[in-house]
Protein backbone atom coordinates (compact mmCIF):
# COMPACT_ATOMS: atom_id res chain seq x y z
CA MET A 1 -10.38 -10.20 -14.80
CA ASP A 2 -12.27 -8.57 -17.72
CA ALA A 3 -12.33 -4.58 -16.87
CA PHE A 4 -15.29 -4.63 -19.79
CA SER A 5 -17.38 -7.14 -18.11
CA PRO A 6 -21.04 -6.51 -18.52
CA THR A 7 -21.78 -7.81 -15.11
CA PRO A 8 -20.25 -6.13 -12.08
CA PRO A 9 -17.72 -7.99 -9.84
CA GLY A 10 -18.23 -8.59 -6.38
CA TRP A 11 -15.52 -6.51 -5.03
CA THR A 12 -17.26 -3.37 -6.31
CA GLU A 13 -20.10 -3.66 -3.83
CA THR A 14 -18.06 -1.85 -1.01
CA ALA A 15 -16.44 1.19 -3.29
CA VAL A 16 -16.55 4.70 -1.98
CA HIS A 17 -16.40 7.50 -4.32
CA ALA A 18 -13.23 8.96 -4.35
CA LEU A 19 -13.27 12.94 -5.25
CA ASP A 20 -9.56 13.47 -6.74
CA PHE A 21 -9.16 10.14 -9.02
CA SER A 22 -7.14 8.46 -6.65
CA CYS A 23 -7.26 6.12 -3.62
CA PRO A 24 -9.23 8.01 -0.76
CA ARG A 25 -7.08 5.69 2.01
CA CYS A 26 -3.18 5.93 0.90
CA ARG A 27 -3.62 8.62 -2.13
CA ALA A 28 -2.03 5.99 -4.72
CA SER A 29 -2.97 6.37 -8.40
CA ALA A 30 -5.08 4.51 -10.47
CA THR A 31 -2.16 3.18 -12.13
CA LYS A 32 -1.70 0.99 -8.78
CA ALA A 33 -4.70 -0.63 -8.98
CA GLN A 34 -5.01 -4.38 -8.44
CA ARG A 35 -8.19 -4.53 -10.36
CA VAL A 36 -10.51 -2.56 -12.43
CA TRP A 37 -13.68 -2.56 -13.90
CA ILE A 38 -15.36 -0.09 -15.84
CA ASN A 39 -19.43 0.38 -15.64
CA ARG A 40 -20.20 0.55 -19.25
CA ARG A 41 -23.65 -0.35 -19.52
CA ALA A 42 -24.85 3.08 -17.41
CA PRO A 43 -23.51 5.87 -19.22
CA VAL A 44 -24.17 9.48 -17.56
CA ILE A 45 -24.60 12.75 -19.73
CA GLY A 46 -22.48 15.24 -18.54
CA GLU A 47 -22.81 19.23 -18.43
CA ASP A 48 -21.08 19.06 -21.97
CA TYR A 49 -23.27 16.29 -23.26
CA ARG A 50 -20.52 13.78 -23.28
CA ARG A 51 -20.76 10.78 -22.01
CA LYS A 52 -18.91 9.63 -18.61
CA TRP A 53 -18.62 6.40 -17.00
CA GLN A 54 -18.00 4.95 -13.20
CA GLU A 55 -14.78 3.25 -12.89
CA PHE A 56 -13.95 1.20 -10.11
CA TYR A 57 -10.45 0.41 -8.77
CA GLN A 58 -9.44 -2.00 -6.09
CA CYS A 59 -6.08 -0.38 -4.63
CA GLU A 60 -3.22 -2.43 -3.61
CA CYS A 61 -3.94 -1.35 0.37
CA GLY A 62 -7.47 -3.17 -0.21
CA GLN A 63 -9.44 -0.22 -0.55
CA VAL A 64 -12.08 -0.24 -3.11
CA TRP A 65 -13.12 3.08 -4.96
CA TRP A 66 -14.53 4.39 -7.66
CA SER A 67 -14.75 7.88 -9.68
CA TRP A 68 -16.32 9.10 -13.01
CA SER A 69 -14.36 8.84 -16.14
CA SER A 70 -14.26 12.39 -16.78
CA ASP A 71 -12.36 12.95 -13.44
CA ARG A 72 -9.48 10.88 -14.92
CA PRO A 73 -6.24 13.15 -15.25
CA PRO A 74 -4.81 13.12 -18.70
CA SER A 75 -2.03 10.62 -19.53
CA GLU A 76 1.52 11.72 -19.06
CA LEU A 77 2.27 9.81 -22.19
CA ALA A 78 0.12 12.44 -24.01
CA ASN A 79 2.59 15.15 -23.13
CA ARG A 80 5.88 13.08 -24.26
CA VAL A 81 7.91 14.75 -26.51
CA GLU A 82 9.88 12.19 -28.92
């Protein structure tokens, strides 16, 4: 699977918009997704003039959902102290 493929995979057709960047059915995080596709061909310009993309996820529970890349929470790795 290529998350950056220019052609959307068929499984994205049934996606629902998740408002809190987790599976709307079981609340699993995006890191638990079985498949991922990022729609890089159609960026949207936000209020702050930054680009954002639709990110599609197929959860392990079977739900397909999408959210904006700008809604993704910060990585817990970014706050690690070594």
